[in-house]
Amino acid sequence: MSKRLQVILDDPEYRDLQRAARARRMSIAQWVREALAFAHQRQSTLSIEQKLEALNRASKYELPIGDVEQLLTEIERGYLSSSEE
């Protein structure tokens, strides 16, 4: 189902949108839909970028960890002990 969205703009803002839409040979409504889709996509992507940056920063530390098999065993042991409680 489609929904209607109303946005109130000042005359200068509206003219800017009108020029931007005209430059791309599209209606203002189509230009706004594309701008909203782009903003939504960028917002979702930012979260991934932030996570990658955190991993990047954390990987610079030399932390004491065991080998993969030891880590998996400890994780499994933790899951099993919490499910027994």
N, C-alpha and C. Protein backbone atom coordinates (compact mmCIF):
# COMPACT_ATOMS: atom_id res chain seq x y z
N MET A 1 0.84 -1.16 0.00
CA MET A 1 0.00 0.00 0.00
C MET A 1 0.90 1.24 0.00
N SER A 2 0.57 2.20 -0.78
CA SER A 2 1.32 3.45 -0.83
C SER A 2 0.85 4.39 0.26
N LYS A 3 1.77 5.19 0.75
CA LYS A 3 1.45 6.20 1.76
C LYS A 3 1.87 7.56 1.22
N ARG A 4 1.19 8.57 1.67
CA ARG A 4 1.48 9.94 1.25
C ARG A 4 2.28 10.62 2.35
N LEU A 5 3.30 11.37 1.96
CA LEU A 5 4.13 12.10 2.90
C LEU A 5 4.12 13.57 2.51
N GLN A 6 3.84 14.42 3.48
CA GLN A 6 3.83 15.85 3.19
C GLN A 6 5.00 16.50 3.91
N VAL A 7 5.77 17.29 3.17
CA VAL A 7 6.91 18.00 3.73
C VAL A 7 6.72 19.47 3.41
N ILE A 8 6.76 20.31 4.42
CA ILE A 8 6.60 21.75 4.23
C ILE A 8 7.99 22.37 4.05
N LEU A 9 8.17 23.10 2.94
CA LEU A 9 9.46 23.72 2.63
C LEU A 9 9.28 25.22 2.44
N ASP A 10 10.32 25.95 2.77
CA ASP A 10 10.34 27.38 2.44
C ASP A 10 10.48 27.51 0.92
N ASP A 11 10.10 28.67 0.39
CA ASP A 11 10.21 28.88 -1.06
C ASP A 11 11.62 28.64 -1.59
N PRO A 12 12.67 29.14 -0.94
CA PRO A 12 14.02 28.89 -1.47
C PRO A 12 14.39 27.41 -1.48
N GLU A 13 13.98 26.68 -0.43
CA GLU A 13 14.25 25.23 -0.40
C GLU A 13 13.53 24.52 -1.54
N TYR A 14 12.28 24.90 -1.76
CA TYR A 14 11.50 24.28 -2.82
C TYR A 14 12.13 24.55 -4.18
N ARG A 15 12.56 25.80 -4.40
CA ARG A 15 13.20 26.14 -5.68
C ARG A 15 14.49 25.34 -5.88
N ASP A 16 15.25 25.14 -4.80
CA ASP A 16 16.47 24.33 -4.90
C ASP A 16 16.14 22.90 -5.32
N LEU A 17 15.11 22.33 -4.70
CA LEU A 17 14.68 20.98 -5.08
C LEU A 17 14.21 20.93 -6.52
N GLN A 18 13.47 21.95 -6.90
CA GLN A 18 12.94 22.03 -8.25
C GLN A 18 14.10 22.06 -9.26
N ARG A 19 15.11 22.87 -8.98
CA ARG A 19 16.28 22.95 -9.88
C ARG A 19 17.02 21.61 -9.93
N ALA A 20 17.21 20.99 -8.77
CA ALA A 20 17.92 19.71 -8.73
C ALA A 20 17.17 18.64 -9.52
N ALA A 21 15.86 18.60 -9.36
CA ALA A 21 15.05 17.62 -10.08
C ALA A 21 15.07 17.90 -11.58
N ARG A 22 14.93 19.16 -11.93
CA ARG A 22 14.94 19.54 -13.35
C ARG A 22 16.27 19.19 -14.00
N ALA A 23 17.37 19.38 -13.28
CA ALA A 23 18.70 19.07 -13.81
C ALA A 23 18.84 17.58 -14.14
N ARG A 24 18.12 16.75 -13.40
CA ARG A 24 18.16 15.30 -13.66
C ARG A 24 16.96 14.83 -14.48
N ARG A 25 16.17 15.80 -14.97
CA ARG A 25 15.00 15.50 -15.81
C ARG A 25 14.02 14.53 -15.13
N MET A 26 13.70 14.88 -13.90
CA MET A 26 12.73 14.06 -13.17
C MET A 26 11.81 14.98 -12.37
N SER A 27 10.73 14.40 -11.90
CA SER A 27 9.81 15.18 -11.08
C SER A 27 10.42 15.39 -9.70
N ILE A 28 9.90 16.38 -8.99
CA ILE A 28 10.36 16.62 -7.62
C ILE A 28 10.08 15.39 -6.76
N ALA A 29 8.92 14.80 -6.94
CA ALA A 29 8.55 13.62 -6.15
C ALA A 29 9.55 12.48 -6.37
N GLN A 30 9.92 12.24 -7.62
CA GLN A 30 10.88 11.17 -7.92
C GLN A 30 12.26 11.51 -7.33
N TRP A 31 12.65 12.77 -7.44
CA TRP A 31 13.94 13.19 -6.89
C TRP A 31 13.97 12.98 -5.38
N VAL A 32 12.88 13.34 -4.70
CA VAL A 32 12.80 13.17 -3.25
C VAL A 32 12.81 11.69 -2.88
N ARG A 33 12.07 10.86 -3.63
CA ARG A 33 12.07 9.41 -3.34
C ARG A 33 13.49 8.85 -3.45
N GLU A 34 14.22 9.25 -4.50
CA GLU A 34 15.59 8.76 -4.68
C GLU A 34 16.50 9.27 -3.56
N ALA A 35 16.32 10.53 -3.17
CA ALA A 35 17.14 11.09 -2.09
C ALA A 35 16.88 10.36 -0.77
N LEU A 36 15.62 10.05 -0.51
CA LEU A 36 15.27 9.32 0.72
C LEU A 36 15.85 7.90 0.69
N ALA A 37 15.78 7.25 -0.46
CA ALA A 37 16.33 5.89 -0.59
C ALA A 37 17.85 5.92 -0.37
N PHE A 38 18.51 6.92 -0.95
CA PHE A 38 19.96 7.06 -0.78
C PHE A 38 20.30 7.30 0.69
N ALA A 39 19.56 8.18 1.35
CA ALA A 39 19.81 8.48 2.76
C ALA A 39 19.60 7.24 3.62
N HIS A 40 18.56 6.48 3.32
CA HIS A 40 18.27 5.26 4.08
C HIS A 40 19.39 4.24 3.89
N GLN A 41 19.84 4.08 2.66
CA GLN A 41 20.92 3.14 2.37
C GLN A 41 22.21 3.58 3.07
N ARG A 42 22.49 4.86 3.05
CA ARG A 42 23.71 5.39 3.69
C ARG A 42 23.65 5.17 5.20
N GLN A 43 22.49 5.36 5.79
CA GLN A 43 22.33 5.16 7.22
C GLN A 43 22.63 3.70 7.58
N SER A 44 22.13 2.78 6.80
CA SER A 44 22.37 1.36 7.04
C SER A 44 23.85 1.03 6.87
N THR A 45 24.49 1.62 5.87
CA THR A 45 25.89 1.35 5.60
C THR A 45 26.78 1.91 6.69
N LEU A 46 26.42 3.03 7.27
CA LEU A 46 27.23 3.63 8.31
C LEU A 46 27.45 2.67 9.46
N SER A 47 26.46 1.93 9.82
CA SER A 47 26.57 1.00 10.92
C SER A 47 27.66 -0.04 10.63
N ILE A 48 27.72 -0.53 9.42
CA ILE A 48 28.73 -1.51 9.03
C ILE A 48 30.11 -0.85 9.06
N GLU A 49 30.20 0.37 8.56
CA GLU A 49 31.48 1.08 8.58
C GLU A 49 31.97 1.28 10.02
N GLN A 50 31.06 1.61 10.91
CA GLN A 50 31.44 1.81 12.31
C GLN A 50 31.94 0.50 12.92
N LYS A 51 31.28 -0.60 12.58
CA LYS A 51 31.71 -1.89 13.10
C LYS A 51 33.09 -2.26 12.57
N LEU A 52 33.30 -2.03 11.28
CA LEU A 52 34.61 -2.33 10.70
C LEU A 52 35.70 -1.48 11.32
N GLU A 53 35.41 -0.22 11.57
CA GLU A 53 36.39 0.66 12.20
C GLU A 53 36.72 0.18 13.61
N ALA A 54 35.71 -0.27 14.35
CA ALA A 54 35.95 -0.80 15.70
C ALA A 54 36.83 -2.05 15.64
N LEU A 55 36.56 -2.93 14.68
CA LEU A 55 37.39 -4.12 14.52
C LEU A 55 38.82 -3.74 14.16
N ASN A 56 38.94 -2.77 13.30
CA ASN A 56 40.26 -2.30 12.87
C ASN A 56 41.05 -1.78 14.07
N ARG A 57 40.40 -0.97 14.90
CA ARG A 57 41.07 -0.43 16.09
C ARG A 57 41.44 -1.56 17.06
N ALA A 58 40.52 -2.49 17.27
CA ALA A 58 40.77 -3.58 18.22
C ALA A 58 41.89 -4.50 17.74
N SER A 59 42.02 -4.67 16.45
CA SER A 59 43.05 -5.58 15.93
C SER A 59 44.46 -5.05 16.14
N LYS A 60 44.60 -3.79 16.50
CA LYS A 60 45.92 -3.20 16.73
C LYS A 60 46.49 -3.55 18.10
N TYR A 61 45.64 -4.09 19.00
CA TYR A 61 46.09 -4.47 20.33
C TYR A 61 46.58 -5.91 20.30
N GLU A 62 47.60 -6.19 21.10
CA GLU A 62 48.07 -7.57 21.23
C GLU A 62 47.45 -8.15 22.49
N LEU A 63 46.37 -8.86 22.31
CA LEU A 63 45.63 -9.43 23.43
C LEU A 63 45.95 -10.92 23.55
N PRO A 64 46.06 -11.42 24.77
CA PRO A 64 46.35 -12.85 24.94
C PRO A 64 45.10 -13.69 24.63
N ILE A 65 45.20 -14.50 23.62
CA ILE A 65 44.10 -15.41 23.27
C ILE A 65 44.68 -16.78 22.97
N GLY A 66 43.86 -17.79 23.09
CA GLY A 66 44.30 -19.14 22.77
C GLY A 66 44.09 -19.43 21.30
N ASP A 67 44.35 -20.69 20.95
CA ASP A 67 44.10 -21.05 19.55
C ASP A 67 42.60 -21.23 19.33
N VAL A 68 42.22 -21.37 18.10
CA VAL A 68 40.79 -21.41 17.74
C VAL A 68 40.07 -22.57 18.42
N GLU A 69 40.69 -23.73 18.43
CA GLU A 69 40.04 -24.90 19.05
C GLU A 69 39.79 -24.67 20.54
N GLN A 70 40.77 -24.07 21.22
CA GLN A 70 40.61 -23.77 22.64
C GLN A 70 39.46 -22.78 22.85
N LEU A 71 39.39 -21.74 22.03
CA LEU A 71 38.33 -20.75 22.15
C LEU A 71 36.96 -21.38 21.93
N LEU A 72 36.85 -22.21 20.90
CA LEU A 72 35.57 -22.87 20.62
C LEU A 72 35.14 -23.79 21.76
N THR A 73 36.11 -24.50 22.34
CA THR A 73 35.82 -25.38 23.47
C THR A 73 35.30 -24.58 24.66
N GLU A 74 35.97 -23.45 24.94
CA GLU A 74 35.54 -22.61 26.06
C GLU A 74 34.17 -21.99 25.82
N ILE A 75 33.90 -21.60 24.59
CA ILE A 75 32.58 -21.04 24.25
C ILE A 75 31.51 -22.09 24.44
N GLU A 76 31.77 -23.30 23.94
CA GLU A 76 30.79 -24.38 24.07
C GLU A 76 30.57 -24.72 25.54
N ARG A 77 31.64 -24.76 26.32
CA ARG A 77 31.52 -25.04 27.75
C ARG A 77 30.67 -23.97 28.43
N GLY A 78 30.85 -22.73 28.03
CA GLY A 78 30.06 -21.64 28.60
C GLY A 78 28.59 -21.78 28.26
N TYR A 79 28.29 -22.14 26.99
CA TYR A 79 26.89 -22.33 26.59
C TYR A 79 26.26 -23.48 27.37
N LEU A 80 27.00 -24.58 27.52
CA LEU A 80 26.46 -25.74 28.21
C LEU A 80 26.22 -25.44 29.68
N SER A 81 27.14 -24.72 30.32
CA SER A 81 26.96 -24.45 31.75
C SER A 81 25.81 -23.47 32.00
N SER A 82 25.59 -22.53 31.07
CA SER A 82 24.48 -21.59 31.26
C SER A 82 23.13 -22.25 30.98
N SER A 83 23.11 -23.29 30.15
CA SER A 83 21.83 -23.96 29.87
C SER A 83 21.45 -24.91 30.99
N GLU A 84 22.44 -25.32 31.83
CA GLU A 84 22.16 -26.23 32.94
C GLU A 84 21.58 -25.49 34.14
N GLU A 85 21.73 -24.17 34.21
CA GLU A 85 21.26 -23.39 35.36
C GLU A 85 19.79 -23.21 35.37
